[in-house]
Protein backbone atom coordinates (compact mmCIF):
# COMPACT_ATOMS: atom_id res chain seq x y z
CA MET A 1 189.94 -140.99 -173.45
CA ILE A 2 191.04 -142.89 -176.56
CA HIS A 3 191.43 -140.66 -179.61
CA ARG A 4 190.72 -141.87 -183.13
CA ARG A 5 192.11 -139.56 -185.75
CA ARG A 6 190.18 -139.01 -189.00
CA LEU A 7 187.58 -141.60 -188.00
CA VAL A 8 185.05 -140.08 -185.61
CA SER A 9 184.55 -136.72 -183.97
CA PRO A 10 185.82 -136.21 -180.39
CA VAL A 11 182.25 -135.71 -179.16
CA LEU A 12 180.98 -138.93 -180.74
CA LEU A 13 184.03 -140.85 -179.59
CA GLY A 14 183.47 -139.73 -176.00
CA ALA A 15 179.93 -141.05 -176.19
CA LEU A 16 181.16 -144.38 -177.57
CA VAL A 17 183.70 -144.82 -174.77
CA ALA A 18 181.08 -144.03 -172.15
CA ALA A 19 178.68 -146.51 -173.74
CA TRP A 20 181.29 -149.24 -173.58
CA ALA A 21 182.20 -148.59 -169.96
CA GLY A 22 182.18 -151.78 -167.91
CA PRO A 23 182.43 -152.47 -164.20
CA ALA A 24 185.67 -151.76 -162.41
CA SER A 25 187.99 -154.72 -161.91
CA ALA A 26 188.34 -156.16 -158.46
CA ALA A 27 190.74 -158.50 -156.71
CA PRO A 28 190.09 -160.05 -153.30
CA PRO A 29 192.23 -158.63 -150.47
CA ALA A 30 193.60 -162.14 -149.95
CA THR A 31 194.97 -162.10 -153.51
CA VAL A 32 196.73 -158.79 -152.95
CA ALA A 33 198.23 -160.08 -149.69
CA ALA A 34 199.40 -163.32 -151.34
CA ASP A 35 201.00 -161.40 -154.20
CA ALA A 36 202.77 -159.09 -151.76
CA ALA A 37 204.14 -162.07 -149.84
CA TYR A 38 205.30 -163.85 -153.00
CA TRP A 39 207.01 -160.95 -154.75
CA THR A 40 210.00 -160.35 -152.53
CA ALA A 41 212.75 -158.01 -153.71
CA GLY A 42 214.83 -161.04 -154.64
CA ARG A 43 212.11 -162.63 -156.77
CA LEU A 44 211.42 -159.37 -158.58
CA ALA A 45 215.12 -158.91 -159.31
CA ALA A 46 215.60 -162.48 -160.54
CA VAL A 47 212.68 -162.56 -162.98
CA ALA A 48 213.44 -163.49 -166.61
CA SER A 49 212.31 -161.19 -169.40
CA VAL A 50 210.04 -162.34 -172.21
CA THR A 51 212.19 -162.60 -175.34
CA LYS A 52 212.21 -159.81 -177.89
CA GLY A 53 213.19 -161.41 -181.21
CA PRO A 54 214.06 -165.06 -181.96
CA THR A 55 216.03 -166.95 -179.33
CA VAL A 56 219.78 -167.12 -179.91
CA ALA A 57 222.23 -169.61 -178.48
CA ARG A 58 223.38 -169.02 -174.92
CA GLY A 59 226.71 -167.22 -174.84
CA THR A 60 226.22 -165.56 -178.23
CA ALA A 61 228.10 -162.27 -178.26
CA VAL A 62 226.01 -159.11 -178.35
CA ARG A 63 226.39 -157.38 -181.69
CA ARG A 64 228.07 -154.01 -181.60
CA VAL A 65 225.74 -151.13 -182.36
CA PRO A 66 226.65 -149.64 -185.74
CA ALA A 67 228.17 -146.17 -185.82
CA GLY A 68 225.64 -143.36 -185.95
CA ILE A 69 222.84 -145.32 -184.23
CA PRO A 70 221.33 -143.39 -181.28
CA GLN A 71 221.60 -145.02 -177.88
CA GLY A 72 218.82 -145.11 -175.30
CA ARG A 73 219.45 -143.41 -171.98
CA TYR A 74 218.65 -144.89 -168.59
CA VAL A 75 216.13 -142.81 -166.66
CA ALA A 76 214.28 -142.88 -163.36
CA GLY A 77 211.10 -143.95 -165.17
CA ILE A 78 207.64 -142.44 -165.17
CA PRO A 79 204.54 -143.46 -163.18
CA GLN A 80 202.53 -144.50 -166.26
CA VAL A 81 205.09 -147.07 -167.46
CA GLY A 82 206.01 -150.15 -165.48
CA THR A 83 206.70 -153.86 -165.44
CA PHE A 84 204.52 -156.95 -165.33
CA PHE A 85 205.73 -159.79 -163.11
CA VAL A 86 204.14 -163.21 -163.64
CA ALA A 87 204.84 -166.55 -161.95
CA SER A 88 204.53 -169.82 -163.86
CA PRO A 89 205.73 -173.44 -163.54
CA ASP A 90 208.41 -172.66 -166.14
CA GLY A 91 209.76 -169.68 -164.23
CA ASN A 92 208.88 -166.07 -163.48
CA THR A 93 208.74 -163.67 -166.44
CA SER A 94 208.25 -159.97 -167.14
CA CYS A 95 207.38 -157.45 -169.86
CA THR A 96 206.76 -153.71 -169.99
CA GLY A 97 203.32 -152.05 -169.99
CA SER A 98 201.79 -148.57 -169.90
CA VAL A 99 198.71 -147.23 -168.13
CA VAL A 100 196.24 -145.87 -170.71
CA HIS A 101 193.11 -143.92 -169.93
CA SER A 102 189.91 -145.95 -169.50
CA PRO A 103 186.52 -145.33 -167.87
CA ALA A 104 187.29 -147.69 -164.96
CA HIS A 105 190.88 -146.44 -164.60
CA ASP A 106 192.21 -150.02 -164.70
CA LEU A 107 193.76 -150.70 -168.14
CA VAL A 108 197.40 -151.30 -169.08
CA LEU A 109 198.60 -151.78 -172.65
CA THR A 110 201.25 -154.42 -173.40
CA ALA A 111 202.37 -156.80 -176.15
CA GLY A 112 200.22 -159.69 -177.31
CA HIS A 113 203.18 -162.09 -177.28
CA CYS A 114 203.65 -161.34 -173.57
CA ALA A 115 200.01 -161.71 -172.55
CA TYR A 116 199.36 -164.77 -174.73
CA GLY A 117 201.52 -167.02 -172.58
CA TRP A 118 200.24 -165.51 -169.35
CA GLN A 119 196.56 -166.35 -169.84
CA SER A 120 196.75 -169.80 -168.23
CA SER A 121 198.90 -171.79 -165.79
CA THR A 122 200.22 -168.59 -164.23
CA THR A 123 199.84 -167.07 -160.77
CA HIS A 124 200.82 -163.92 -158.89
CA ARG A 125 200.31 -161.74 -161.97
CA ILE A 126 201.01 -158.13 -161.04
CA PHE A 127 201.84 -154.79 -162.63
CA VAL A 128 204.34 -152.48 -160.92
CA PRO A 129 204.36 -148.85 -162.14
CA ALA A 130 207.85 -147.27 -162.29
CA TYR A 131 209.44 -150.44 -160.88
CA ALA A 132 212.18 -149.69 -158.33
CA TYR A 133 214.98 -152.27 -158.13
CA GLY A 134 215.81 -153.54 -154.65
CA LYS A 135 212.32 -153.09 -153.21
CA ASP A 136 209.66 -155.76 -152.74
CA ALA A 137 206.20 -155.43 -154.25
CA ALA A 138 204.69 -153.99 -151.09
CA HIS A 139 207.19 -151.12 -151.02
CA GLN A 140 207.20 -149.98 -154.66
CA PRO A 141 206.84 -146.20 -155.13
CA TYR A 142 203.37 -146.50 -156.71
CA GLY A 143 202.39 -149.85 -155.25
CA PHE A 144 201.43 -152.88 -157.31
CA TYR A 145 198.20 -154.06 -158.93
CA PRO A 146 197.00 -157.62 -159.49
CA VAL A 147 196.01 -158.57 -163.03
CA THR A 148 192.43 -159.80 -163.19
CA GLN A 149 192.26 -160.42 -166.94
CA PHE A 150 194.29 -160.25 -170.17
CA VAL A 151 192.41 -159.27 -173.33
CA LEU A 152 193.87 -160.19 -176.73
CA ASP A 153 192.60 -160.17 -180.29
CA PRO A 154 191.23 -163.73 -180.82
CA ARG A 155 193.13 -163.95 -184.12
CA TYR A 156 196.51 -163.37 -182.49
CA ARG A 157 198.93 -166.29 -182.08
CA PRO A 158 202.70 -166.23 -181.49
CA SER A 159 203.05 -168.30 -184.66
CA PRO A 160 202.99 -168.46 -187.62
CA PRO A 161 204.98 -165.21 -187.78
CA THR A 162 203.04 -163.81 -190.72
CA ALA A 163 202.20 -160.15 -191.19
CA ALA A 164 198.48 -160.84 -190.64
CA VAL A 165 199.23 -162.29 -187.20
CA THR A 166 202.08 -160.08 -185.99
CA ASP A 167 200.18 -156.94 -186.98
CA LEU A 168 197.87 -157.84 -184.05
CA ASP A 169 200.60 -158.13 -181.42
CA PHE A 170 198.99 -155.99 -178.73
CA ALA A 171 196.95 -156.70 -175.59
CA PHE A 172 195.37 -155.10 -172.55
CA ALA A 173 195.50 -156.10 -168.91
CA ARG A 174 192.69 -155.24 -166.55
CA LEU A 175 193.96 -154.62 -163.05
CA GLY A 176 192.41 -154.96 -159.66
CA ALA A 177 192.73 -152.27 -157.03
CA GLY A 178 195.94 -151.98 -155.06
CA SER A 179 196.33 -152.43 -151.33
CA ASP A 180 194.93 -148.92 -150.77
CA ARG A 181 191.81 -149.93 -152.77
CA ARG A 182 192.54 -147.39 -155.50
CA GLN A 183 192.76 -148.16 -159.22
CA VAL A 184 196.08 -147.74 -160.97
CA GLU A 185 195.10 -144.68 -163.03
CA ASP A 186 193.95 -142.87 -159.90
CA VAL A 187 197.50 -143.21 -158.56
CA THR A 188 199.70 -142.87 -161.65
CA LYS A 189 197.48 -140.94 -164.08
CA ALA A 190 197.44 -142.23 -167.65
CA LEU A 191 198.72 -141.77 -171.17
CA ALA A 192 196.21 -141.18 -173.98
CA LEU A 193 195.75 -144.16 -176.30
CA THR A 194 195.56 -142.92 -179.90
CA THR A 195 195.39 -144.47 -183.35
CA THR A 196 198.65 -144.23 -185.30
CA PRO A 197 198.48 -141.21 -187.66
CA SER A 198 201.08 -142.50 -190.16
CA TYR A 199 204.19 -144.64 -190.44
CA ARG A 200 206.40 -141.59 -189.97
CA ASN A 201 206.28 -140.07 -186.49
CA THR A 202 208.56 -138.91 -183.71
CA VAL A 203 208.13 -141.01 -180.58
CA THR A 204 209.60 -141.43 -177.14
CA VAL A 205 209.88 -145.13 -176.28
CA ILE A 206 210.22 -146.10 -172.61
CA GLY A 207 210.74 -149.65 -171.37
CA TYR A 208 212.53 -151.98 -168.97
CA PRO A 209 215.31 -154.14 -170.47
CA GLY A 210 216.03 -157.37 -168.62
CA SER A 211 218.72 -157.76 -165.99
CA SER A 212 221.22 -159.50 -168.29
CA HIS A 213 221.81 -156.17 -170.03
CA ASN A 214 220.48 -153.87 -167.31
CA PRO A 215 221.83 -154.85 -163.87
CA GLY A 216 220.21 -151.87 -162.18
CA HIS A 217 216.79 -152.67 -163.67
CA LYS A 218 216.32 -149.06 -164.74
CA ALA A 219 213.96 -147.79 -167.40
CA ILE A 220 215.45 -146.88 -170.77
CA ALA A 221 214.14 -144.08 -172.99
CA CYS A 222 214.81 -142.91 -176.52
CA THR A 223 213.24 -140.23 -178.73
CA VAL A 224 213.53 -141.09 -182.42
CA PRO A 225 211.71 -140.92 -185.76
CA THR A 226 209.81 -143.95 -187.07
CA THR A 227 209.56 -145.46 -190.54
CA ARG A 228 207.56 -148.28 -192.10
CA LEU A 229 208.55 -151.93 -191.79
CA ALA A 230 208.17 -153.07 -195.41
CA GLY A 231 205.50 -155.70 -195.96
CA TYR A 232 203.81 -155.15 -192.60
CA ARG A 233 201.38 -152.70 -191.04
CA GLN A 234 204.09 -151.88 -188.54
CA MET A 235 206.45 -149.08 -187.62
CA ARG A 236 210.20 -149.41 -187.19
CA MET A 237 212.45 -147.44 -184.85
CA VAL A 238 216.24 -147.51 -184.46
CA CYS A 239 217.83 -146.98 -181.02
CA GLY A 240 220.29 -149.07 -179.02
CA GLY A 241 219.64 -150.65 -175.64
CA PHE A 242 216.17 -152.13 -176.24
CA PHE A 243 216.87 -155.73 -175.21
CA ASP A 244 214.53 -158.44 -173.87
CA GLY A 245 212.01 -157.07 -171.39
CA VAL A 246 211.02 -154.02 -173.46
CA SER A 247 208.19 -155.87 -175.21
CA GLY A 248 205.04 -153.83 -174.64
CA SER A 249 206.94 -150.54 -174.17
CA PRO A 250 204.80 -147.59 -175.28
CA TRP A 251 205.68 -145.44 -178.30
CA ILE A 252 204.62 -141.99 -177.13
CA ALA A 253 203.98 -139.09 -179.51
CA GLY A 254 203.98 -135.53 -178.19
CA TYR A 255 205.67 -136.62 -174.97
CA ASP A 256 205.99 -133.93 -172.30
CA PRO A 257 208.82 -134.97 -169.94
CA LEU A 258 207.71 -132.55 -167.24
CA ARG A 259 204.05 -133.56 -167.08
CA HIS A 260 204.60 -137.16 -168.26
CA THR A 261 201.84 -136.80 -170.82
CA GLY A 262 201.51 -137.86 -174.44
CA GLN A 263 199.69 -140.10 -176.90
CA VAL A 264 200.51 -143.80 -177.12
CA ILE A 265 200.51 -144.62 -180.85
CA GLY A 266 202.38 -147.95 -180.67
CA GLU A 267 204.18 -150.46 -178.43
CA VAL A 268 207.14 -152.79 -178.88
CA GLY A 269 205.71 -155.84 -180.61
CA GLY A 270 205.02 -157.17 -184.08
CA ARG A 271 207.45 -159.08 -186.27
CA GLY A 272 209.75 -161.28 -184.21
CA GLY A 273 208.11 -160.11 -180.99
CA GLY A 274 209.20 -156.57 -181.72
CA GLY A 275 212.64 -157.30 -183.16
CA ASP A 276 214.48 -159.66 -185.49
CA ASP A 277 217.13 -160.80 -183.02
CA GLN A 278 217.09 -160.59 -179.24
CA ASP A 279 220.68 -159.28 -179.29
CA HIS A 280 220.00 -156.93 -182.20
CA ASP A 281 218.85 -154.38 -179.69
CA TRP A 282 218.84 -151.26 -181.86
CA ILE A 283 215.92 -152.20 -184.12
CA SER A 284 212.39 -152.43 -182.71
CA TYR A 285 208.93 -152.71 -184.25
CA SER A 286 205.37 -151.76 -183.35
CA PRO A 287 202.02 -152.67 -184.91
CA MET A 288 200.02 -149.78 -186.29
CA PHE A 289 197.07 -148.85 -184.08
CA GLY A 290 193.85 -148.76 -186.09
CA SER A 291 190.39 -150.30 -186.04
CA GLU A 292 191.64 -153.62 -184.60
CA LEU A 293 193.23 -151.86 -181.64
CA LEU A 294 190.11 -149.75 -181.08
CA SER A 295 187.92 -152.83 -181.12
CA LEU A 296 190.15 -154.58 -178.60
CA TYR A 297 190.16 -151.51 -176.37
CA HIS A 298 186.36 -151.47 -176.32
CA GLN A 299 186.34 -155.19 -175.56
CA ALA A 300 188.73 -154.65 -172.66
CA VAL A 301 186.66 -151.74 -171.31
CA SER A 302 183.47 -153.79 -171.34
CA ALA A 303 185.03 -157.00 -170.01
CA GLY A 304 184.48 -157.92 -166.43
């Protein structure tokens, strides 16, 4: 269930979510089979990550992380966080996403700047929970799930990069059932989507940096405090290792590493696609989750 702090009571909110419940997503078996055939281990490994921050010239040296900045640690990953893989005429791309609770058990949260370019002229759009490097789509630990629809705020655009636009840099993907005909949440369980209580929080951020900085394609995690990004309705967190590919990574409050539970109160996105420089990996941003996010969630739940 999605929790809205200080806005409605839990009982009323539960009724609202139930009222907005739409039909479960579906994908034809032929689509699942075609996606499995396309996404070989080699194609998954070679995918390019959607840029976090403005593009810099090829060959630009990575800036050294300043002293005292915490560094993310590579982890095995958790079932609720995974990677999108999308094929397009311009090349295959990826971003991070997280499974959030929904009535149909089929929603994944990601960044708007990822989903915006994936709405058209793309094929073989899948989500892989806890992506395992070296395995093809058909042999991932939690399977894979075809994307049936991306849902974005209609006011969101990648440019101009104003606060009014980048504050809306979030999106949902509705997924079809996997090859076993189960929905993603039934397999991985889900994180609780929650409005952001304030600019100052302690969060655990989990994502998948691209292969140029992460040859083993492992998940990276960091638990840090957040502050406000001045001039924006966005949070800021400081931790090294969050390169391209982490766009859409959940910011989880109250994370329990044993049960893999917690409340998603943000995701890597916002100004500069979640950062000011794609090689300035230790600063990341997230839009605040408020009424706009709730409205989009309800739209995604009722879409179909």
